[in-house]
Amino acid sequence: MPTKKRRKSVLRKPAAKKNAASKALSRKKTAAAPPKAAARRDYKALFHRKLTENHLFYEAGRIIASETEPFELIKKIISVINKEVPFEDAAVYTVKKDMTGLDPFYYSGPSFRKAVLDTVYYDNGAPGNIASTGESIFLQDAALYEGFLQYPEERQKPGSYLGIALKNESRVIGVMGFSHSEPRAFRVDDLDTIRTLSPLISAGFEKAELFRKTLELSRVDELTGLLNYRVLMEKLTEEVRRKIRTGRAFSFIMIDIDDFKRVNDRYGHLEGSRLIAQMGPLLRTACRTDSTDICFRYGGEEFSILLTETTMEEAEAVAERIRKAVDEYPFTVKVSHPTEIVSVSLGVSCMSGDKQKSITELINEADIALYQAKASGKNRVVCYADGCGMPAASTADRKGLP
């Protein structure tokens, strides 16, 4: 009997060890299962994030390829970014031409409802620091940052902020910043996404700016800075259509520098060019500043002004103010030669009432009034009246010759 008992005990021991090993292995498998599931979840989130990021790059590229207006380009890209990055406020600054600071270019969000943005200088606030260093700023708790985040008069800091520099190959061209009222609203992934997107945004913005400048050069007279003849015809066409639609009068002024050939002959063409160049800012200053008056260089020493929603009497007053401003202006030719006189003659025409005129008729009426002013002694304003004709003057007089 004892022998049997020993056998039983011997037989039981291996079974006990086997059960223990089996349980341990089972526990290991159970413990190892969660990390595999977690890994699968991480890969799924990573795949979704990469897919969203690729879509963001696609949308930004599509906007950059199609949009040629800088402001609209930035506005649309900010809107696309907001689908991926949960910001409340956004601001974009561009570097000034003299590279002394940043000018506000675009801003949106509740923090800007009553804000008045102005120039931000380098090393001043978050935008200035980003521009001076070219490095990003990422703040989970913006209250710890010394200085403003979006604009100089900012009183209450948003809870979190991220800002990046927009760069080309040689320098920083702007700053883009995003903020949220809650701390820790942004992930590091958000910063990486925007930072990776920034070269694309920079290239698109520069392309749009170059297109805008090229278009502007084709519409602006290089010497005076005034709009050119081509734009004048466009604006006159728009104004005629508006007159037909609304019945509101508008006026037109032709301006000619008196005895301009004498200036060229006595002091050289360089001095004549200076005189024409100085007429540009003078006319803009003398005209009304509420965008009612638009100044153009008509050609040579002739200029013109389109006065929207303006009667003949109101246009005559503007013309007289311009005439006096030219009389009093210290042109360089007058400073160098105190006895020299610079004056202008002006002719005014108007489209009002039920009578319709063509653009050619309107310009011709102002031209007739202008030459009436020259024939009457120059340095004066004449308004066109029905029945007026070109004065019986010599060709030399009509060209402003002495």
Protein backbone atom coordinates (compact mmCIF):
# COMPACT_ATOMS: atom_id res chain seq x y z
CA MET A 1 0.00 0.00 0.00
CA PRO A 2 2.71 2.49 0.76
CA THR A 3 4.24 1.74 -2.57
CA LYS A 4 0.98 2.57 -4.35
CA LYS A 5 0.65 5.83 -2.48
CA ARG A 6 4.09 6.85 -3.52
CA ARG A 7 3.21 6.09 -7.11
CA LYS A 8 0.11 8.19 -6.88
CA SER A 9 2.02 11.11 -5.48
CA VAL A 10 4.64 10.73 -8.15
CA LEU A 11 2.01 10.70 -10.83
CA ARG A 12 0.28 13.85 -9.49
CA LYS A 13 3.30 16.10 -9.33
CA PRO A 14 3.96 16.36 -13.07
CA ALA A 15 0.29 17.12 -13.65
CA ALA A 16 0.43 19.98 -11.16
CA LYS A 17 3.50 21.41 -12.83
CA LYS A 18 1.87 21.13 -16.23
CA ASN A 19 -1.23 22.96 -15.06
CA ALA A 20 0.87 25.72 -13.53
CA ALA A 21 2.90 26.15 -16.72
CA SER A 22 -0.28 26.19 -18.79
CA LYS A 23 -1.82 28.90 -16.61
CA ALA A 24 1.35 30.97 -16.79
CA LEU A 25 1.41 30.71 -20.57
CA SER A 26 -2.25 31.66 -20.72
CA ARG A 27 -1.60 34.70 -18.53
CA LYS A 28 1.27 35.72 -20.83
CA LYS A 29 -0.96 35.48 -23.88
CA THR A 30 -3.69 37.47 -22.18
CA ALA A 31 -1.21 40.12 -21.08
CA ALA A 32 0.32 40.32 -24.54
CA ALA A 33 -3.02 40.77 -26.33
CA PRO A 34 -3.75 44.45 -25.37
CA PRO A 35 -0.50 45.85 -26.81
CA LYS A 36 -1.28 44.27 -30.19
CA ALA A 37 -4.76 45.78 -30.18
CA ALA A 38 -3.35 49.15 -29.10
CA ALA A 39 -0.81 48.95 -31.91
CA ARG A 40 -3.58 48.33 -34.40
CA ARG A 41 -5.46 51.37 -33.08
CA ASP A 42 -2.34 53.57 -33.36
CA TYR A 43 -1.77 52.55 -36.97
CA LYS A 44 -5.37 53.31 -37.78
CA ALA A 45 -5.10 56.81 -36.26
CA LEU A 46 -1.80 57.40 -38.05
CA PHE A 47 -3.30 56.32 -41.37
CA HIS A 48 -6.27 58.64 -40.86
CA ARG A 49 -4.00 61.55 -39.96
CA LYS A 50 -1.80 61.01 -43.01
CA LEU A 51 -4.85 60.74 -45.24
CA THR A 52 -6.22 64.02 -43.85
CA GLU A 53 -2.84 65.68 -44.24
CA ASN A 54 -2.60 64.56 -47.87
CA HIS A 55 -6.06 65.98 -48.53
CA LEU A 56 -4.99 69.26 -46.90
CA PHE A 57 -1.95 69.46 -49.19
CA TYR A 58 -4.11 68.68 -52.20
CA GLU A 59 -6.63 71.41 -51.36
CA ALA A 60 -3.88 73.97 -50.67
CA GLY A 61 -2.16 73.11 -53.96
CA ARG A 62 -5.42 73.42 -55.86
CA ILE A 63 -6.06 76.87 -54.38
CA ILE A 64 -2.53 78.05 -55.14
CA ALA A 65 -2.77 76.84 -58.73
CA SER A 66 -6.08 78.63 -59.40
CA GLU A 67 -6.08 81.77 -57.21
CA THR A 68 -4.15 84.85 -58.41
CA GLU A 69 -5.34 87.40 -55.82
CA PRO A 70 -3.09 87.29 -52.71
CA PHE A 71 -5.77 88.10 -50.12
CA GLU A 72 -8.25 85.56 -51.47
CA LEU A 73 -5.50 82.94 -51.66
CA ILE A 74 -4.60 83.34 -47.98
CA LYS A 75 -8.26 83.47 -46.96
CA LYS A 76 -9.04 80.18 -48.73
CA ILE A 77 -5.94 78.42 -47.39
CA ILE A 78 -6.77 79.51 -43.82
CA SER A 79 -10.25 78.06 -44.30
CA VAL A 80 -8.80 74.74 -45.48
CA ILE A 81 -6.34 74.58 -42.56
CA ASN A 82 -9.19 75.14 -40.12
CA LYS A 83 -10.71 71.81 -41.20
CA GLU A 84 -7.65 70.06 -39.79
CA VAL A 85 -6.37 72.42 -37.07
CA PRO A 86 -8.99 73.54 -34.48
CA PHE A 87 -8.07 77.24 -34.16
CA GLU A 88 -10.41 80.13 -33.33
CA ASP A 89 -8.29 83.09 -34.48
CA ALA A 90 -5.86 83.43 -37.36
CA ALA A 91 -3.57 86.28 -38.40
CA VAL A 92 -1.14 86.70 -41.27
CA TYR A 93 1.50 89.44 -41.40
CA THR A 94 3.73 90.28 -44.37
CA VAL A 95 7.22 91.81 -44.19
CA LYS A 96 7.34 95.50 -45.14
CA LYS A 97 9.15 96.53 -48.31
CA ASP A 98 11.88 98.25 -46.27
CA MET A 99 12.13 95.12 -44.06
CA THR A 100 11.72 97.11 -40.84
CA GLY A 101 8.68 95.22 -39.58
CA LEU A 102 5.44 93.47 -40.45
CA ASP A 103 2.19 94.80 -41.88
CA PRO A 104 -1.14 93.08 -41.07
CA PHE A 105 -2.42 91.30 -44.16
CA TYR A 106 -5.25 89.01 -43.04
CA TYR A 107 -7.00 88.30 -39.73
CA SER A 108 -10.15 86.52 -38.63
CA GLY A 109 -11.78 85.28 -35.43
CA PRO A 110 -13.47 86.63 -32.30
CA SER A 111 -10.27 88.21 -30.93
CA PHE A 112 -10.19 90.65 -33.86
CA ARG A 113 -13.79 91.92 -33.77
CA LYS A 114 -12.82 95.29 -32.29
CA ALA A 115 -9.11 95.16 -32.98
CA VAL A 116 -7.23 97.74 -35.04
CA LEU A 117 -4.07 96.13 -36.38
CA ASP A 118 -0.95 98.14 -37.11
CA THR A 119 2.69 97.57 -37.98
CA VAL A 120 4.53 95.06 -35.78
CA TYR A 121 8.30 95.52 -35.54
CA TYR A 122 10.89 92.77 -35.31
CA ASP A 123 11.35 91.13 -31.89
CA ASN A 124 8.01 92.63 -30.82
CA GLY A 125 5.43 90.05 -29.70
CA ALA A 126 5.05 86.58 -31.17
CA PRO A 127 4.85 87.75 -34.83
CA GLY A 128 7.97 89.93 -34.47
CA ASN A 129 9.95 87.14 -32.79
CA ILE A 130 8.97 84.61 -35.46
CA ALA A 131 9.95 87.05 -38.23
CA SER A 132 13.32 87.92 -36.67
CA THR A 133 14.36 84.34 -35.90
CA GLY A 134 12.53 82.43 -38.63
CA GLU A 135 11.59 79.85 -35.99
CA SER A 136 8.11 78.62 -35.02
CA ILE A 137 6.42 79.29 -31.66
CA PHE A 138 4.26 76.60 -30.05
CA LEU A 139 2.51 77.45 -26.76
CA GLN A 140 0.22 75.08 -24.88
CA ASP A 141 -0.30 77.73 -22.18
CA ALA A 142 -0.06 81.19 -23.73
CA ALA A 143 -0.37 82.92 -20.34
CA LEU A 144 3.29 82.04 -19.74
CA TYR A 145 4.43 83.98 -22.81
CA GLU A 146 5.77 87.50 -22.20
CA GLY A 147 4.42 89.75 -24.95
CA PHE A 148 1.41 89.81 -27.22
CA LEU A 149 0.52 86.95 -29.55
CA GLN A 150 -1.52 88.36 -32.44
CA TYR A 151 -1.51 92.19 -32.28
CA PRO A 152 0.04 94.90 -30.05
CA GLU A 153 -3.17 95.98 -28.27
CA GLU A 154 -4.15 92.41 -27.37
CA ARG A 155 -5.28 92.41 -23.73
CA GLN A 156 -6.47 88.88 -23.07
CA LYS A 157 -4.26 86.06 -24.26
CA PRO A 158 -5.77 83.04 -25.95
CA GLY A 159 -5.17 79.74 -24.16
CA SER A 160 -2.85 78.24 -26.78
CA TYR A 161 -0.95 79.49 -29.81
CA LEU A 162 1.13 78.28 -32.70
CA GLY A 163 2.87 80.45 -35.26
CA ILE A 164 5.15 79.79 -38.22
CA ALA A 165 7.35 81.83 -40.53
CA LEU A 166 6.57 81.99 -44.24
CA LYS A 167 9.91 81.89 -46.07
CA ASN A 168 11.36 81.85 -49.54
CA GLU A 169 14.87 80.65 -50.35
CA SER A 170 16.55 83.77 -48.96
CA ARG A 171 14.40 85.37 -46.27
CA VAL A 172 11.21 85.48 -44.21
CA ILE A 173 8.34 87.02 -46.19
CA GLY A 174 5.59 86.75 -43.57
CA VAL A 175 4.20 85.20 -40.41
CA MET A 176 1.11 83.03 -39.93
CA GLY A 177 -0.32 82.54 -36.44
CA PHE A 178 -3.25 80.60 -34.93
CA SER A 179 -4.73 80.74 -31.44
CA HIS A 180 -7.44 79.10 -29.34
CA SER A 181 -9.08 80.27 -26.12
CA GLU A 182 -8.50 76.87 -24.46
CA PRO A 183 -5.06 75.71 -23.25
CA ARG A 184 -3.59 72.62 -24.92
CA ALA A 185 -5.96 72.95 -27.90
CA PHE A 186 -3.17 72.16 -30.38
CA ARG A 187 -1.13 69.00 -30.84
CA VAL A 188 2.49 68.83 -31.91
CA ASP A 189 1.13 67.15 -35.05
CA ASP A 190 -0.75 70.38 -35.87
CA LEU A 191 2.48 72.37 -35.73
CA ASP A 192 4.25 69.79 -37.92
CA THR A 193 1.43 69.87 -40.47
CA ILE A 194 1.40 73.68 -40.82
CA ARG A 195 5.19 73.88 -40.77
CA THR A 196 5.38 71.30 -43.58
CA LEU A 197 2.72 73.23 -45.51
CA SER A 198 4.45 76.62 -45.10
CA PRO A 199 6.84 76.39 -48.12
CA LEU A 200 3.86 75.66 -50.37
CA ILE A 201 1.93 78.63 -48.92
CA SER A 202 4.97 80.90 -49.29
CA ALA A 203 5.50 79.96 -52.92
CA GLY A 204 1.80 80.43 -53.72
CA PHE A 205 1.67 83.81 -52.00
CA GLU A 206 4.75 85.08 -53.85
CA LYS A 207 3.29 83.87 -57.15
CA ALA A 208 0.03 85.74 -56.49
CA GLU A 209 1.92 88.90 -55.42
CA LEU A 210 4.02 88.80 -58.59
CA PHE A 211 0.89 88.43 -60.71
CA ARG A 212 -0.75 91.35 -58.89
CA LYS A 213 2.30 93.59 -59.39
CA THR A 214 2.53 92.67 -63.06
CA LEU A 215 -1.15 93.46 -63.53
CA GLU A 216 -0.71 96.71 -61.63
CA LEU A 217 2.22 97.75 -63.80
CA SER A 218 0.09 97.22 -66.88
CA ARG A 219 -2.55 99.56 -65.43
CA VAL A 220 -0.41 102.26 -63.82
CA ASP A 221 1.70 104.94 -65.45
CA GLU A 222 5.25 104.38 -64.25
CA LEU A 223 6.28 108.05 -64.17
CA THR A 224 3.34 109.54 -62.26
CA GLY A 225 1.88 106.53 -60.42
CA LEU A 226 -1.54 107.41 -61.84
CA LEU A 227 -3.80 104.98 -63.68
CA ASN A 228 -3.21 104.88 -67.42
CA TYR A 229 -5.39 105.49 -70.49
CA ARG A 230 -6.44 101.84 -70.74
CA VAL A 231 -7.94 101.90 -67.23
CA LEU A 232 -9.58 105.26 -67.95
CA MET A 233 -11.55 103.68 -70.80
CA GLU A 234 -12.60 100.79 -68.53
CA LYS A 235 -13.76 103.15 -65.77
CA LEU A 236 -15.62 105.40 -68.17
CA THR A 237 -17.45 102.39 -69.62
CA GLU A 238 -18.45 101.30 -66.10
CA GLU A 239 -19.63 104.80 -65.23
CA VAL A 240 -21.74 105.14 -68.40
CA ARG A 241 -23.47 101.85 -67.58
CA ARG A 242 -24.08 103.01 -64.02
CA LYS A 243 -25.52 106.27 -65.30
CA ILE A 244 -27.96 104.36 -67.54
CA ARG A 245 -28.93 102.10 -64.64
CA THR A 246 -29.22 104.67 -61.81
CA GLY A 247 -29.59 108.01 -63.58
CA ARG A 248 -26.86 109.56 -61.41
CA ALA A 249 -24.66 112.19 -63.03
CA PHE A 250 -20.89 111.97 -63.31
CA SER A 251 -18.27 114.41 -64.58
CA PHE A 252 -14.96 114.37 -66.37
CA ILE A 253 -12.02 116.81 -66.23
CA MET A 254 -9.22 117.20 -68.77
CA ILE A 255 -6.01 118.89 -67.54
CA ASP A 256 -3.07 120.17 -69.58
CA ILE A 257 0.18 121.73 -68.31
CA ASP A 258 0.47 125.22 -69.79
CA ASP A 259 3.54 125.94 -71.95
CA PHE A 260 5.08 122.54 -71.20
CA LYS A 261 7.24 122.61 -74.34
CA ARG A 262 8.88 125.78 -73.05
CA VAL A 263 10.02 123.89 -69.92
CA ASN A 264 11.51 121.14 -72.09
CA ASP A 265 13.21 123.59 -74.42
CA ARG A 266 14.65 125.79 -71.66
CA TYR A 267 15.63 123.26 -69.01
CA GLY A 268 15.77 119.91 -70.82
CA HIS A 269 13.57 116.85 -71.02
CA LEU A 270 14.75 115.58 -67.62
CA GLU A 271 13.24 118.63 -65.92
CA GLY A 272 10.09 118.17 -67.99
CA SER A 273 9.84 114.56 -66.82
CA ARG A 274 10.27 115.69 -63.20
CA LEU A 275 7.41 118.15 -63.66
CA ILE A 276 5.11 115.43 -65.01
CA ALA A 277 6.14 113.01 -62.24
CA GLN A 278 5.35 115.61 -59.55
CA MET A 279 1.88 116.15 -60.99
CA GLY A 280 0.85 112.61 -59.96
CA PRO A 281 0.92 112.99 -56.15
CA LEU A 282 -0.25 116.61 -56.43
CA LEU A 283 -3.46 115.58 -58.26
CA ARG A 284 -4.20 112.75 -55.81
CA THR A 285 -3.79 115.16 -52.88
CA ALA A 286 -5.91 117.93 -54.43
CA CYS A 287 -8.79 115.60 -55.32
CA ARG A 288 -11.39 114.31 -52.89
CA THR A 289 -10.02 111.51 -50.72
CA ASP A 290 -13.20 109.40 -50.45
CA SER A 291 -12.59 107.52 -53.74
CA THR A 292 -15.12 109.71 -55.56
CA ASP A 293 -12.38 111.09 -57.83
CA ILE A 294 -10.05 108.87 -59.86
CA CYS A 295 -6.95 110.40 -61.46
CA PHE A 296 -5.35 109.28 -64.74
CA ARG A 297 -2.46 110.21 -66.95
CA TYR A 298 -4.14 110.74 -70.30
CA GLY A 299 -0.90 111.04 -72.27
CA GLY A 300 2.08 113.37 -72.62
CA GLU A 301 1.49 116.39 -70.37
CA GLU A 302 -2.27 115.76 -70.21
CA PHE A 303 -4.14 114.32 -67.24
CA SER A 304 -7.77 113.50 -66.56
CA ILE A 305 -10.06 112.94 -63.59
CA LEU A 306 -13.27 110.91 -63.42
CA LEU A 307 -15.68 112.21 -60.78
CA THR A 308 -18.42 109.70 -59.94
CA GLU A 309 -21.86 110.92 -58.83
CA THR A 310 -20.74 114.51 -59.37
CA THR A 311 -22.58 117.37 -61.05
CA MET A 312 -20.96 119.96 -63.34
CA GLU A 313 -20.94 122.57 -60.54
CA GLU A 314 -19.26 120.20 -58.08
CA ALA A 315 -16.69 119.17 -60.69
CA GLU A 316 -15.94 122.84 -61.44
CA ALA A 317 -15.16 123.38 -57.74
CA VAL A 318 -12.78 120.41 -57.74
CA ALA A 319 -11.10 121.68 -60.91
CA GLU A 320 -10.62 125.13 -59.41
CA ARG A 321 -9.04 123.59 -56.30
CA ILE A 322 -6.62 121.66 -58.51
CA ARG A 323 -5.72 124.79 -60.47
CA LYS A 324 -4.87 126.66 -57.26
CA ALA A 325 -2.89 123.71 -55.90
CA VAL A 326 -0.72 123.66 -59.04
CA ASP A 327 -0.18 127.43 -58.74
CA GLU A 328 1.09 127.04 -55.16
CA TYR A 329 3.05 123.79 -55.49
CA PRO A 330 6.87 124.07 -55.17
CA PHE A 331 7.85 122.18 -58.33
CA THR A 332 11.59 121.59 -58.62
CA VAL A 333 11.69 123.69 -61.79
CA LYS A 334 10.22 126.62 -59.81
CA VAL A 335 12.67 126.11 -56.93
CA SER A 336 15.63 126.03 -59.33
CA HIS A 337 14.27 128.90 -61.43
CA PRO A 338 12.13 131.21 -59.23
CA THR A 339 10.88 133.24 -62.19
CA GLU A 340 9.41 130.17 -63.89
CA ILE A 341 5.62 129.81 -63.74
CA VAL A 342 3.85 126.43 -63.78
CA SER A 343 0.10 126.41 -64.36
CA VAL A 344 -2.61 124.21 -65.84
CA SER A 345 -5.73 124.72 -67.92
CA LEU A 346 -8.76 122.55 -67.19
CA GLY A 347 -11.88 121.61 -69.16
CA VAL A 348 -14.96 120.07 -67.50
CA SER A 349 -17.76 118.01 -69.05
CA CYS A 350 -20.66 116.16 -67.48
CA MET A 351 -23.12 113.40 -68.27
CA SER A 352 -26.42 114.15 -66.55
CA GLY A 353 -30.16 114.17 -67.12
CA ASP A 354 -31.88 112.05 -69.73
CA LYS A 355 -29.48 112.88 -72.55
CA GLN A 356 -27.09 110.02 -73.24
CA LYS A 357 -23.59 110.56 -74.63
CA SER A 358 -20.91 108.23 -75.82
CA ILE A 359 -17.54 108.12 -74.10
CA THR A 360 -15.98 109.78 -77.15
CA GLU A 361 -18.48 112.66 -76.95
CA LEU A 362 -17.84 113.15 -73.23
CA ILE A 363 -14.06 113.30 -73.70
CA ASN A 364 -14.41 115.58 -76.74
CA GLU A 365 -16.55 118.02 -74.74
CA ALA A 366 -13.94 118.21 -71.96
CA ASP A 367 -11.23 118.66 -74.61
CA ILE A 368 -13.13 121.54 -76.24
CA ALA A 369 -13.57 123.22 -72.83
CA LEU A 370 -9.85 122.73 -72.14
CA TYR A 371 -8.84 124.50 -75.34
CA GLN A 372 -11.37 127.25 -74.62
CA ALA A 373 -9.46 127.76 -71.34
CA LYS A 374 -6.15 127.95 -73.20
CA ALA A 375 -7.56 130.37 -75.77
CA SER A 376 -8.90 132.56 -72.93
CA GLY A 377 -5.43 133.06 -71.42
CA LYS A 378 -4.57 129.69 -69.79
CA ASN A 379 -4.42 128.93 -66.04
CA ARG A 380 -8.19 128.70 -65.75
CA VAL A 381 -11.19 126.35 -65.62
CA VAL A 382 -13.85 126.24 -68.36
CA CYS A 383 -17.00 124.09 -68.27
CA TYR A 384 -18.43 122.80 -71.52
CA ALA A 385 -21.74 124.31 -72.62
CA ASP A 386 -23.98 123.26 -75.49
CA GLY A 387 -22.93 124.89 -78.72
CA CYS A 388 -19.27 125.33 -77.74
CA GLY A 389 -16.74 124.50 -80.43
CA MET A 390 -13.00 124.29 -80.72
CA PRO A 391 -11.61 127.86 -80.55
CA ALA A 392 -10.11 129.36 -83.68
CA ALA A 393 -6.53 129.13 -82.46
CA SER A 394 -3.32 128.15 -84.15
CA THR A 395 -1.96 124.65 -83.89
CA ALA A 396 0.91 125.99 -81.82
CA ASP A 397 -1.50 127.48 -79.29
CA ARG A 398 -3.45 124.25 -79.01
CA LYS A 399 -0.29 122.33 -78.18
CA GLY A 400 0.62 124.80 -75.47
CA LEU A 401 3.53 126.39 -77.29
CA PRO A 402 4.65 129.86 -76.21
